[in-house]
């Protein structure tokens, strides 16, 4: 994901960019499309669902991805994937993730209220 914008710039529309690996949320798909990919590969979560509960769970997992990526896109104002998605923020977060969470994460300093 970090080098995807550079790859998209180097390719300059001469090839289709499909990214795969480490996608766990619908927002990951939207981020990949916003950074220049036309598609993302999914599989690990469907395999976990298939192994745990069979094909109905795998279908439910796929539907969940679809619903969440559409919701995330809608929150960004995207009405069609045919148009380029403009990233809202292209810089890294200024604060560590644990600062933004309501609960401390592993290895994060404990908050005192």
PDB file of N, CA and C in Angstrom:
ATOM      1  N   UNK A   1       0.822  -1.186   0.000  1.00  0.00           N
ATOM      2  CA  UNK A   1       0.000   0.000   0.000  1.00  0.00           C
ATOM      3  C   UNK A   1       0.868   1.253   0.000  1.00  0.00           C
ATOM      4  N   UNK A   2       2.018   1.200   0.647  1.00  0.00           N
ATOM      5  CA  UNK A   2       2.854   2.388   0.736  1.00  0.00           C
ATOM      6  C   UNK A   2       3.424   2.802  -0.620  1.00  0.00           C
ATOM      7  N   UNK A   3       3.762   1.838  -1.463  1.00  0.00           N
ATOM      8  CA  UNK A   3       4.369   2.164  -2.760  1.00  0.00           C
ATOM      9  C   UNK A   3       3.355   2.188  -3.898  1.00  0.00           C
ATOM     10  N   UNK A   4       2.104   1.898  -3.603  1.00  0.00           N
ATOM     11  CA  UNK A   4       1.080   1.849  -4.649  1.00  0.00           C
ATOM     12  C   UNK A   4       0.947   3.151  -5.432  1.00  0.00           C
ATOM     13  N   UNK A   5       0.958   4.334  -4.790  1.00  0.00           N
ATOM     14  CA  UNK A   5       0.883   5.568  -5.579  1.00  0.00           C
ATOM     15  C   UNK A   5       2.061   5.734  -6.547  1.00  0.00           C
ATOM     16  N   UNK A   6       3.246   5.314  -6.133  1.00  0.00           N
ATOM     17  CA  UNK A   6       4.421   5.394  -6.999  1.00  0.00           C
ATOM     18  C   UNK A   6       4.290   4.450  -8.186  1.00  0.00           C
ATOM     19  N   UNK A   7       3.768   3.260  -7.942  1.00  0.00           N
ATOM     20  CA  UNK A   7       3.559   2.292  -9.023  1.00  0.00           C
ATOM     21  C   UNK A   7       2.525   2.832 -10.009  1.00  0.00           C
ATOM     22  N   UNK A   8       1.432   3.386  -9.479  1.00  0.00           N
ATOM     23  CA  UNK A   8       0.391   3.935 -10.344  1.00  0.00           C
ATOM     24  C   UNK A   8       0.931   5.092 -11.194  1.00  0.00           C
ATOM     25  N   UNK A   9       1.795   5.906 -10.609  1.00  0.00           N
ATOM     26  CA  UNK A   9       2.386   7.017 -11.362  1.00  0.00           C
ATOM     27  C   UNK A   9       3.335   6.503 -12.439  1.00  0.00           C
ATOM     28  N   UNK A  10       4.123   5.477 -12.121  1.00  0.00           N
ATOM     29  CA  UNK A  10       5.068   4.921 -13.095  1.00  0.00           C
ATOM     30  C   UNK A  10       4.337   4.228 -14.242  1.00  0.00           C
ATOM     31  N   UNK A  11       3.253   3.547 -13.939  1.00  0.00           N
ATOM     32  CA  UNK A  11       2.484   2.836 -14.959  1.00  0.00           C
ATOM     33  C   UNK A  11       1.730   3.817 -15.850  1.00  0.00           C
ATOM     34  N   UNK A  12       1.212   4.889 -15.245  1.00  0.00           N
ATOM     35  CA  UNK A  12       0.512   5.963 -15.964  1.00  0.00           C
ATOM     36  C   UNK A  12      -0.612   5.454 -16.864  1.00  0.00           C
ATOM     37  N   UNK A  13      -1.397   4.501 -16.344  1.00  0.00           N
ATOM     38  CA  UNK A  13      -2.548   4.022 -17.098  1.00  0.00           C
ATOM     39  C   UNK A  13      -2.249   3.010 -18.190  1.00  0.00           C
ATOM     40  N   UNK A  14      -0.991   2.609 -18.363  1.00  0.00           N
ATOM     41  CA  UNK A  14      -0.642   1.643 -19.413  1.00  0.00           C
ATOM     42  C   UNK A  14      -0.909   0.198 -19.005  1.00  0.00           C
ATOM     43  N   UNK A  15      -1.199  -0.018 -17.725  1.00  0.00           N
ATOM     44  CA  UNK A  15      -1.486  -1.366 -17.233  1.00  0.00           C
ATOM     45  C   UNK A  15      -2.492  -1.274 -16.095  1.00  0.00           C
ATOM     46  N   UNK A  16      -3.197  -2.370 -15.873  1.00  0.00           N
ATOM     47  CA  UNK A  16      -4.144  -2.425 -14.762  1.00  0.00           C
ATOM     48  C   UNK A  16      -3.392  -2.885 -13.512  1.00  0.00           C
ATOM     49  N   UNK A  17      -3.603  -2.191 -12.417  1.00  0.00           N
ATOM     50  CA  UNK A  17      -2.928  -2.518 -11.162  1.00  0.00           C
ATOM     51  C   UNK A  17      -3.906  -3.249 -10.258  1.00  0.00           C
ATOM     52  N   UNK A  18      -3.539  -4.474  -9.886  1.00  0.00           N
ATOM     53  CA  UNK A  18      -4.324  -5.281  -8.960  1.00  0.00           C
ATOM     54  C   UNK A  18      -3.424  -5.571  -7.769  1.00  0.00           C
ATOM     55  N   UNK A  19      -3.896  -5.240  -6.579  1.00  0.00           N
ATOM     56  CA  UNK A  19      -3.092  -5.417  -5.374  1.00  0.00           C
ATOM     57  C   UNK A  19      -3.681  -6.558  -4.546  1.00  0.00           C
ATOM     58  N   UNK A  20      -2.844  -7.242  -3.805  1.00  0.00           N
ATOM     59  CA  UNK A  20      -3.297  -8.368  -3.002  1.00  0.00           C
ATOM     60  C   UNK A  20      -2.432  -8.463  -1.757  1.00  0.00           C
ATOM     61  N   UNK A  21      -3.023  -8.942  -0.703  1.00  0.00           N
ATOM     62  CA  UNK A  21      -2.273  -9.228   0.511  1.00  0.00           C
ATOM     63  C   UNK A  21      -2.581  -8.285   1.660  1.00  0.00           C
ATOM     64  N   UNK A  22      -3.032  -8.842   2.762  1.00  0.00           N
ATOM     65  CA  UNK A  22      -3.231  -8.075   3.974  1.00  0.00           C
ATOM     66  C   UNK A  22      -4.497  -7.249   4.034  1.00  0.00           C
ATOM     67  N   UNK A  23      -5.499  -7.588   3.262  1.00  0.00           N
ATOM     68  CA  UNK A  23      -6.755  -6.847   3.285  1.00  0.00           C
ATOM     69  C   UNK A  23      -7.723  -7.540   4.240  1.00  0.00           C
ATOM     70  N   UNK A  24      -8.156  -6.806   5.254  1.00  0.00           N
ATOM     71  CA  UNK A  24      -9.051  -7.368   6.257  1.00  0.00           C
ATOM     72  C   UNK A  24     -10.346  -6.596   6.412  1.00  0.00           C
ATOM     73  N   UNK A  25     -10.441  -5.394   5.840  1.00  0.00           N
ATOM     74  CA  UNK A  25     -11.635  -4.568   5.988  1.00  0.00           C
ATOM     75  C   UNK A  25     -12.044  -3.989   4.643  1.00  0.00           C
ATOM     76  N   UNK A  26     -13.319  -3.602   4.559  1.00  0.00           N
ATOM     77  CA  UNK A  26     -13.804  -2.948   3.353  1.00  0.00           C
ATOM     78  C   UNK A  26     -13.099  -1.635   3.084  1.00  0.00           C
ATOM     79  N   UNK A  27     -12.674  -0.953   4.151  1.00  0.00           N
ATOM     80  CA  UNK A  27     -11.965   0.314   3.971  1.00  0.00           C
ATOM     81  C   UNK A  27     -10.610   0.096   3.300  1.00  0.00           C
ATOM     82  N   UNK A  28     -10.007  -1.092   3.481  1.00  0.00           N
ATOM     83  CA  UNK A  28      -8.731  -1.388   2.811  1.00  0.00           C
ATOM     84  C   UNK A  28      -8.905  -1.403   1.289  1.00  0.00           C
ATOM     85  N   UNK A  29     -10.034  -1.910   0.829  1.00  0.00           N
ATOM     86  CA  UNK A  29     -10.316  -1.937  -0.606  1.00  0.00           C
ATOM     87  C   UNK A  29     -10.442  -0.518  -1.146  1.00  0.00           C
ATOM     88  N   UNK A  30     -11.177   0.310  -0.427  1.00  0.00           N
ATOM     89  CA  UNK A  30     -11.373   1.692  -0.860  1.00  0.00           C
ATOM     90  C   UNK A  30     -10.047   2.441  -0.879  1.00  0.00           C
ATOM     91  N   UNK A  31      -9.200   2.216   0.112  1.00  0.00           N
ATOM     92  CA  UNK A  31      -7.880   2.861   0.155  1.00  0.00           C
ATOM     93  C   UNK A  31      -7.036   2.443  -1.041  1.00  0.00           C
ATOM     94  N   UNK A  32      -7.083   1.156  -1.391  1.00  0.00           N
ATOM     95  CA  UNK A  32      -6.300   0.666  -2.528  1.00  0.00           C
ATOM     96  C   UNK A  32      -6.767   1.301  -3.830  1.00  0.00           C
ATOM     97  N   UNK A  33      -8.075   1.414  -4.000  1.00  0.00           N
ATOM     98  CA  UNK A  33      -8.613   2.037  -5.216  1.00  0.00           C
ATOM     99  C   UNK A  33      -8.251   3.515  -5.253  1.00  0.00           C
ATOM    100  N   UNK A  34      -8.311   4.168  -4.090  1.00  0.00           N
ATOM    101  CA  UNK A  34      -7.963   5.591  -4.023  1.00  0.00           C
ATOM    102  C   UNK A  34      -6.495   5.830  -4.351  1.00  0.00           C
ATOM    103  N   UNK A  35      -5.654   4.843  -4.090  1.00  0.00           N
ATOM    104  CA  UNK A  35      -4.224   4.999  -4.353  1.00  0.00           C
ATOM    105  C   UNK A  35      -3.796   4.532  -5.737  1.00  0.00           C
ATOM    106  N   UNK A  36      -4.748   4.055  -6.556  1.00  0.00           N
ATOM    107  CA  UNK A  36      -4.412   3.740  -7.934  1.00  0.00           C
ATOM    108  C   UNK A  36      -4.694   2.336  -8.416  1.00  0.00           C
ATOM    109  N   UNK A  37      -5.093   1.432  -7.547  1.00  0.00           N
ATOM    110  CA  UNK A  37      -5.411   0.068  -7.981  1.00  0.00           C
ATOM    111  C   UNK A  37      -6.805   0.040  -8.602  1.00  0.00           C
ATOM    112  N   UNK A  38      -7.011  -0.879  -9.526  1.00  0.00           N
ATOM    113  CA  UNK A  38      -8.353  -1.040 -10.082  1.00  0.00           C
ATOM    114  C   UNK A  38      -9.106  -2.149  -9.364  1.00  0.00           C
ATOM    115  N   UNK A  39      -8.373  -2.994  -8.649  1.00  0.00           N
ATOM    116  CA  UNK A  39      -8.987  -4.115  -7.964  1.00  0.00           C
ATOM    117  C   UNK A  39      -8.063  -4.592  -6.860  1.00  0.00           C
ATOM    118  N   UNK A  40      -8.624  -5.346  -5.929  1.00  0.00           N
ATOM    119  CA  UNK A  40      -7.800  -5.933  -4.880  1.00  0.00           C
ATOM    120  C   UNK A  40      -8.160  -7.403  -4.738  1.00  0.00           C
ATOM    121  N   UNK A  41      -7.169  -8.204  -4.459  1.00  0.00           N
ATOM    122  CA  UNK A  41      -7.392  -9.622  -4.252  1.00  0.00           C
ATOM    123  C   UNK A  41      -7.807  -9.878  -2.814  1.00  0.00           C
ATOM    124  N   UNK A  42      -8.766 -10.750  -2.646  1.00  0.00           N
ATOM    125  CA  UNK A  42      -9.250 -11.115  -1.321  1.00  0.00           C
ATOM    126  C   UNK A  42      -9.254 -12.626  -1.225  1.00  0.00           C
ATOM    127  N   UNK A  43      -9.052 -13.144  -0.067  1.00  0.00           N
ATOM    128  CA  UNK A  43      -9.088 -14.592   0.019  1.00  0.00           C
ATOM    129  C   UNK A  43      -8.928 -15.149   1.409  1.00  0.00           C
ATOM    130  N   UNK A  44      -8.052 -14.583   2.195  1.00  0.00           N
ATOM    131  CA  UNK A  44      -7.751 -15.177   3.491  1.00  0.00           C
ATOM    132  C   UNK A  44      -8.988 -15.228   4.394  1.00  0.00           C
ATOM    133  N   UNK A  45      -9.713 -14.116   4.462  1.00  0.00           N
ATOM    134  CA  UNK A  45     -10.883 -14.090   5.339  1.00  0.00           C
ATOM    135  C   UNK A  45     -11.962 -15.061   4.850  1.00  0.00           C
ATOM    136  N   UNK A  46     -12.130 -15.174   3.528  1.00  0.00           N
ATOM    137  CA  UNK A  46     -13.103 -16.131   3.006  1.00  0.00           C
ATOM    138  C   UNK A  46     -12.680 -17.560   3.315  1.00  0.00           C
ATOM    139  N   UNK A  47     -11.383 -17.812   3.260  1.00  0.00           N
ATOM    140  CA  UNK A  47     -10.885 -19.159   3.584  1.00  0.00           C
ATOM    141  C   UNK A  47     -11.123 -19.486   5.051  1.00  0.00           C
ATOM    142  N   UNK A  48     -10.888 -18.497   5.934  1.00  0.00           N
ATOM    143  CA  UNK A  48     -11.159 -18.715   7.360  1.00  0.00           C
ATOM    144  C   UNK A  48     -12.638 -19.006   7.582  1.00  0.00           C
ATOM    145  N   UNK A  49     -13.505 -18.226   6.935  1.00  0.00           N
ATOM    146  CA  UNK A  49     -14.944 -18.428   7.084  1.00  0.00           C
ATOM    147  C   UNK A  49     -15.358 -19.793   6.543  1.00  0.00           C
ATOM    148  N   UNK A  50     -14.807 -20.170   5.391  1.00  0.00           N
ATOM    149  CA  UNK A  50     -15.125 -21.464   4.785  1.00  0.00           C
ATOM    150  C   UNK A  50     -14.692 -22.609   5.689  1.00  0.00           C
ATOM    151  N   UNK A  51     -13.497 -22.502   6.262  1.00  0.00           N
ATOM    152  CA  UNK A  51     -12.994 -23.554   7.139  1.00  0.00           C
ATOM    153  C   UNK A  51     -13.800 -23.643   8.432  1.00  0.00           C
ATOM    154  N   UNK A  52     -14.260 -22.504   8.931  1.00  0.00           N
ATOM    155  CA  UNK A  52     -14.966 -22.494  10.207  1.00  0.00           C
ATOM    156  C   UNK A  52     -16.430 -22.913  10.090  1.00  0.00           C
ATOM    157  N   UNK A  53     -17.135 -22.403   9.071  1.00  0.00           N
ATOM    158  CA  UNK A  53     -18.576 -22.618   9.004  1.00  0.00           C
ATOM    159  C   UNK A  53     -19.095 -23.038   7.640  1.00  0.00           C
ATOM    160  N   UNK A  54     -18.232 -23.282   6.670  1.00  0.00           N
ATOM    161  CA  UNK A  54     -18.686 -23.751   5.372  1.00  0.00           C
ATOM    162  C   UNK A  54     -19.009 -22.627   4.396  1.00  0.00           C
ATOM    163  N   UNK A  55     -19.591 -23.017   3.273  1.00  0.00           N
ATOM    164  CA  UNK A  55     -19.842 -22.061   2.194  1.00  0.00           C
ATOM    165  C   UNK A  55     -20.822 -20.943   2.556  1.00  0.00           C
ATOM    166  N   UNK A  56     -21.847 -21.166   3.396  1.00  0.00           N
ATOM    167  CA  UNK A  56     -22.704 -20.030   3.754  1.00  0.00           C
ATOM    168  C   UNK A  56     -21.931 -18.911   4.460  1.00  0.00           C
ATOM    169  N   UNK A  57     -20.977 -19.281   5.290  1.00  0.00           N
ATOM    170  CA  UNK A  57     -20.174 -18.274   5.995  1.00  0.00           C
ATOM    171  C   UNK A  57     -19.252 -17.552   5.027  1.00  0.00           C
ATOM    172  N   UNK A  58     -18.724 -18.275   4.050  1.00  0.00           N
ATOM    173  CA  UNK A  58     -17.876 -17.642   3.050  1.00  0.00           C
ATOM    174  C   UNK A  58     -18.662 -16.617   2.225  1.00  0.00           C
ATOM    175  N   UNK A  59     -19.888 -16.970   1.863  1.00  0.00           N
ATOM    176  CA  UNK A  59     -20.760 -16.022   1.135  1.00  0.00           C
ATOM    177  C   UNK A  59     -21.088 -14.822   2.009  1.00  0.00           C
ATOM    178  N   UNK A  60     -21.355 -15.052   3.285  1.00  0.00           N
ATOM    179  CA  UNK A  60     -21.655 -13.955   4.206  1.00  0.00           C
ATOM    180  C   UNK A  60     -20.449 -13.032   4.348  1.00  0.00           C
ATOM    181  N   UNK A  61     -19.249 -13.609   4.351  1.00  0.00           N
ATOM    182  CA  UNK A  61     -18.027 -12.815   4.438  1.00  0.00           C
ATOM    183  C   UNK A  61     -17.890 -11.921   3.208  1.00  0.00           C
ATOM    184  N   UNK A  62     -18.129 -12.466   2.030  1.00  0.00           N
ATOM    185  CA  UNK A  62     -18.057 -11.682   0.793  1.00  0.00           C
ATOM    186  C   UNK A  62     -19.090 -10.562   0.787  1.00  0.00           C
ATOM    187  N   UNK A  63     -20.296 -10.870   1.244  1.00  0.00           N
ATOM    188  CA  UNK A  63     -21.334  -9.838   1.315  1.00  0.00           C
ATOM    189  C   UNK A  63     -20.954  -8.738   2.300  1.00  0.00           C
ATOM    190  N   UNK A  64     -20.310  -9.123   3.395  1.00  0.00           N
ATOM    191  CA  UNK A  64     -19.865  -8.139   4.373  1.00  0.00           C
ATOM    192  C   UNK A  64     -18.825  -7.200   3.764  1.00  0.00           C
ATOM    193  N   UNK A  65     -17.870  -7.752   3.011  1.00  0.00           N
ATOM    194  CA  UNK A  65     -16.852  -6.933   2.324  1.00  0.00           C
ATOM    195  C   UNK A  65     -17.531  -5.938   1.396  1.00  0.00           C
ATOM    196  N   UNK A  66     -18.471  -6.431   0.616  1.00  0.00           N
ATOM    197  CA  UNK A  66     -19.154  -5.588  -0.362  1.00  0.00           C
ATOM    198  C   UNK A  66     -19.910  -4.450   0.330  1.00  0.00           C
ATOM    199  N   UNK A  67     -20.654  -4.806   1.366  1.00  0.00           N
ATOM    200  CA  UNK A  67     -21.443  -3.812   2.096  1.00  0.00           C
ATOM    201  C   UNK A  67     -20.547  -2.765   2.741  1.00  0.00           C
ATOM    202  N   UNK A  68     -19.485  -3.203   3.377  1.00  0.00           N
ATOM    203  CA  UNK A  68     -18.611  -2.265   4.082  1.00  0.00           C
ATOM    204  C   UNK A  68     -17.818  -1.386   3.131  1.00  0.00           C
ATOM    205  N   UNK A  69     -17.379  -1.931   2.009  1.00  0.00           N
ATOM    206  CA  UNK A  69     -16.647  -1.087   1.061  1.00  0.00           C
ATOM    207  C   UNK A  69     -17.573  -0.068   0.413  1.00  0.00           C
ATOM    208  N   UNK A  70     -18.825  -0.443   0.150  1.00  0.00           N
ATOM    209  CA  UNK A  70     -19.797   0.518  -0.388  1.00  0.00           C
ATOM    210  C   UNK A  70     -20.102   1.608   0.628  1.00  0.00           C
ATOM    211  N   UNK A  71     -20.265   1.221   1.888  1.00  0.00           N
ATOM    212  CA  UNK A  71     -20.542   2.208   2.934  1.00  0.00           C
ATOM    213  C   UNK A  71     -19.376   3.176   3.078  1.00  0.00           C
ATOM    214  N   UNK A  72     -18.160   2.656   3.063  1.00  0.00           N
ATOM    215  CA  UNK A  72     -16.966   3.499   3.192  1.00  0.00           C
ATOM    216  C   UNK A  72     -16.844   4.438   2.010  1.00  0.00           C
ATOM    217  N   UNK A  73     -17.129   3.929   0.833  1.00  0.00           N
ATOM    218  CA  UNK A  73     -17.082   4.773  -0.366  1.00  0.00           C
ATOM    219  C   UNK A  73     -18.136   5.868  -0.287  1.00  0.00           C
ATOM    220  N   UNK A  74     -19.321   5.510   0.166  1.00  0.00           N
ATOM    221  CA  UNK A  74     -20.390   6.491   0.297  1.00  0.00           C
ATOM    222  C   UNK A  74     -20.037   7.593   1.280  1.00  0.00           C
ATOM    223  N   UNK A  75     -19.357   7.234   2.368  1.00  0.00           N
ATOM    224  CA  UNK A  75     -18.936   8.236   3.335  1.00  0.00           C
ATOM    225  C   UNK A  75     -17.911   9.197   2.738  1.00  0.00           C
ATOM    226  N   UNK A  76     -17.183   8.733   1.734  1.00  0.00           N
ATOM    227  CA  UNK A  76     -16.212   9.594   1.054  1.00  0.00           C
ATOM    228  C   UNK A  76     -16.842  10.381  -0.088  1.00  0.00           C
ATOM    229  N   UNK A  77     -18.114  10.132  -0.365  1.00  0.00           N
ATOM    230  CA  UNK A  77     -18.796  10.846  -1.436  1.00  0.00           C
ATOM    231  C   UNK A  77     -18.643  10.208  -2.801  1.00  0.00           C
ATOM    232  N   UNK A  78     -18.210   8.964  -2.843  1.00  0.00           N
ATOM    233  CA  UNK A  78     -18.019   8.253  -4.106  1.00  0.00           C
ATOM    234  C   UNK A  78     -19.358   7.678  -4.553  1.00  0.00           C
ATOM    235  N   UNK A  79     -19.757   8.005  -5.769  1.00  0.00           N
ATOM    236  CA  UNK A  79     -21.010   7.477  -6.311  1.00  0.00           C
ATOM    237  C   UNK A  79     -20.763   6.411  -7.371  1.00  0.00           C
ATOM    238  N   UNK A  80     -19.536   6.326  -7.889  1.00  0.00           N
ATOM    239  CA  UNK A  80     -19.212   5.337  -8.918  1.00  0.00           C
ATOM    240  C   UNK A  80     -17.708   5.060  -8.894  1.00  0.00           C
ATOM    241  N   UNK A  81     -17.347   3.802  -9.029  1.00  0.00           N
ATOM    242  CA  UNK A  81     -15.928   3.458  -9.103  1.00  0.00           C
ATOM    243  C   UNK A  81     -15.350   3.760 -10.481  1.00  0.00           C
ATOM    244  N   UNK A  82     -16.194   4.172 -11.420  1.00  0.00           N
ATOM    245  CA  UNK A  82     -15.710   4.531 -12.755  1.00  0.00           C
ATOM    246  C   UNK A  82     -14.915   5.828 -12.710  1.00  0.00           C
ATOM    247  N   UNK A  83     -15.225   6.687 -11.735  1.00  0.00           N
ATOM    248  CA  UNK A  83     -14.485   7.936 -11.567  1.00  0.00           C
ATOM    249  C   UNK A  83     -13.357   7.713 -10.563  1.00  0.00           C
ATOM    250  N   UNK A  84     -12.245   8.437 -10.699  1.00  0.00           N
ATOM    251  CA  UNK A  84     -11.167   8.282  -9.723  1.00  0.00           C
ATOM    252  C   UNK A  84     -11.605   8.730  -8.331  1.00  0.00           C
ATOM    253  N   UNK A  85     -11.146   8.015  -7.325  1.00  0.00           N
ATOM    254  CA  UNK A  85     -11.420   8.386  -5.940  1.00  0.00           C
ATOM    255  C   UNK A  85     -10.273   9.272  -5.478  1.00  0.00           C
ATOM    256  N   UNK A  86     -10.589  10.412  -4.974  1.00  0.00           N
ATOM    257  CA  UNK A  86      -9.570  11.318  -4.460  1.00  0.00           C
ATOM    258  C   UNK A  86      -9.325  10.997  -2.988  1.00  0.00           C
ATOM    259  N   UNK A  87      -8.089  10.657  -2.630  1.00  0.00           N
ATOM    260  CA  UNK A  87      -7.807  10.401  -1.215  1.00  0.00           C
ATOM    261  C   UNK A  87      -8.023  11.668  -0.394  1.00  0.00           C
ATOM    262  N   UNK A  88      -8.621  11.512   0.760  1.00  0.00           N
ATOM    263  CA  UNK A  88      -8.842  12.656   1.629  1.00  0.00           C
ATOM    264  C   UNK A  88      -7.524  13.099   2.246  1.00  0.00           C
ATOM    265  N   UNK A  89      -6.728  12.155   2.678  1.00  0.00           N
ATOM    266  CA  UNK A  89      -5.454  12.474   3.302  1.00  0.00           C
ATOM    267  C   UNK A  89      -4.407  11.515   2.765  1.00  0.00           C
ATOM    268  N   UNK A  90      -3.305  12.033   2.288  1.00  0.00           N
ATOM    269  CA  UNK A  90      -2.265  11.177   1.737  1.00  0.00           C
ATOM    270  C   UNK A  90      -1.069  11.054   2.667  1.00  0.00           C
ATOM    271  N   UNK A  91      -1.076  11.796   3.770  1.00  0.00           N
ATOM    272  CA  UNK A  91       0.035  11.722   4.712  1.00  0.00           C
ATOM    273  C   UNK A  91      -0.257  10.706   5.803  1.00  0.00           C
ATOM    274  N   UNK A  92       0.781  10.282   6.468  1.00  0.00           N
ATOM    275  CA  UNK A  92       0.609   9.366   7.596  1.00  0.00           C
ATOM    276  C   UNK A  92       0.012  10.121   8.777  1.00  0.00           C
ATOM    277  N   UNK A  93      -0.582   9.382   9.687  1.00  0.00           N
ATOM    278  CA  UNK A  93      -1.173   9.999  10.868  1.00  0.00           C
ATOM    279  C   UNK A  93      -0.095  10.664  11.714  1.00  0.00           C
ATOM    280  N   UNK A  94      -0.412  11.807  12.274  1.00  0.00           N
ATOM    281  CA  UNK A  94       0.548  12.531  13.108  1.00  0.00           C
ATOM    282  C   UNK A  94       0.699  11.879  14.467  1.00  0.00           C
ATOM    283  N   UNK A  95      -0.340  11.227  14.938  1.00  0.00           N
ATOM    284  CA  UNK A  95      -0.318  10.584  16.248  1.00  0.00           C
ATOM    285  C   UNK A  95      -0.251   9.079  16.097  1.00  0.00           C
ATOM    286  N   UNK A  96       0.304   8.446  17.113  1.00  0.00           N
ATOM    287  CA  UNK A  96       0.316   6.989  17.134  1.00  0.00           C
ATOM    288  C   UNK A  96      -1.125   6.490  17.240  1.00  0.00           C
ATOM    289  N   UNK A  97      -1.445   5.317  16.672  1.00  0.00           N
ATOM    290  CA  UNK A  97      -2.825   4.839  16.683  1.00  0.00           C
ATOM    291  C   UNK A  97      -3.447   4.756  18.067  1.00  0.00           C
ATOM    292  N   UNK A  98      -2.646   4.404  19.093  1.00  0.00           N
ATOM    293  CA  UNK A  98      -3.222   4.257  20.424  1.00  0.00           C
ATOM    294  C   UNK A  98      -3.728   5.584  20.988  1.00  0.00           C
ATOM    295  N   UNK A  99      -3.227   6.698  20.493  1.00  0.00           N
ATOM    296  CA  UNK A  99      -3.670   8.003  20.973  1.00  0.00           C
ATOM    297  C   UNK A  99      -5.106   8.263  20.540  1.00  0.00           C
ATOM    298  N   UNK A 100      -5.502   7.710  19.389  1.00  0.00           N
ATOM    299  CA  UNK A 100      -6.824   7.974  18.838  1.00  0.00           C
ATOM    300  C   UNK A 100      -7.878   6.978  19.298  1.00  0.00           C
ATOM    301  N   UNK A 101      -7.470   5.908  19.943  1.00  0.00           N
ATOM    302  CA  UNK A 101      -8.423   4.885  20.374  1.00  0.00           C
ATOM    303  C   UNK A 101      -8.963   5.180  21.766  1.00  0.00           C
ATOM    304  N   UNK A 102     -10.165   4.723  22.029  1.00  0.00           N
ATOM    305  CA  UNK A 102     -10.751   4.907  23.350  1.00  0.00           C
ATOM    306  C   UNK A 102     -10.135   3.996  24.392  1.00  0.00           C
ATOM    307  N   UNK A 103      -9.605   2.862  23.948  1.00  0.00           N
ATOM    308  CA  UNK A 103      -8.993   1.909  24.865  1.00  0.00           C
ATOM    309  C   UNK A 103      -7.524   1.750  24.505  1.00  0.00           C
ATOM    310  N   UNK A 104      -6.656   1.572  25.497  1.00  0.00           N
ATOM    311  CA  UNK A 104      -5.242   1.387  25.172  1.00  0.00           C
ATOM    312  C   UNK A 104      -5.008   0.071  24.436  1.00  0.00           C
ATOM    313  N   UNK A 105      -4.062   0.076  23.522  1.00  0.00           N
ATOM    314  CA  UNK A 105      -3.709  -1.126  22.787  1.00  0.00           C
ATOM    315  C   UNK A 105      -2.501  -1.768  23.443  1.00  0.00           C
ATOM    316  N   UNK A 106      -2.128  -2.945  22.978  1.00  0.00           N
ATOM    317  CA  UNK A 106      -0.988  -3.654  23.537  1.00  0.00           C
ATOM    318  C   UNK A 106       0.264  -2.812  23.341  1.00  0.00           C
ATOM    319  N   UNK A 107       1.008  -2.604  24.393  1.00  0.00           N
ATOM    320  CA  UNK A 107       2.238  -1.834  24.307  1.00  0.00           C
ATOM    321  C   UNK A 107       2.029  -0.333  24.384  1.00  0.00           C
ATOM    322  N   UNK A 108       0.796   0.110  24.458  1.00  0.00           N
ATOM    323  CA  UNK A 108       0.513   1.545  24.551  1.00  0.00           C
ATOM    324  C   UNK A 108       0.532   1.972  26.012  1.00  0.00           C
ATOM    325  N   UNK A 109       0.921   3.202  26.270  1.00  0.00           N
ATOM    326  CA  UNK A 109       0.896   3.657  27.663  1.00  0.00           C
ATOM    327  C   UNK A 109      -0.538   3.706  28.193  1.00  0.00           C
ATOM    328  N   UNK A 110      -0.700   3.345  29.446  1.00  0.00           N
ATOM    329  CA  UNK A 110      -2.044   3.342  30.045  1.00  0.00           C
ATOM    330  C   UNK A 110      -2.471   4.782  30.324  1.00  0.00           C
ATOM    331  N   UNK A 111      -3.732   5.060  30.086  1.00  0.00           N
ATOM    332  CA  UNK A 111      -4.276   6.389  30.355  1.00  0.00           C
ATOM    333  C   UNK A 111      -4.765   6.485  31.786  1.00  0.00           C
ATOM    334  N   UNK A 112      -4.622   7.637  32.354  1.00  0.00           N
ATOM    335  CA  UNK A 112      -5.149   7.889  33.694  1.00  0.00           C
ATOM    336  C   UNK A 112      -6.251   8.926  33.563  1.00  0.00           C
ATOM    337  N   UNK A 113      -7.439   8.571  34.044  1.00  0.00           N
ATOM    338  CA  UNK A 113      -8.574   9.490  33.949  1.00  0.00           C
ATOM    339  C   UNK A 113      -8.832  10.150  35.269  1.00  0.00           C
TER     340      UNK A 113
END
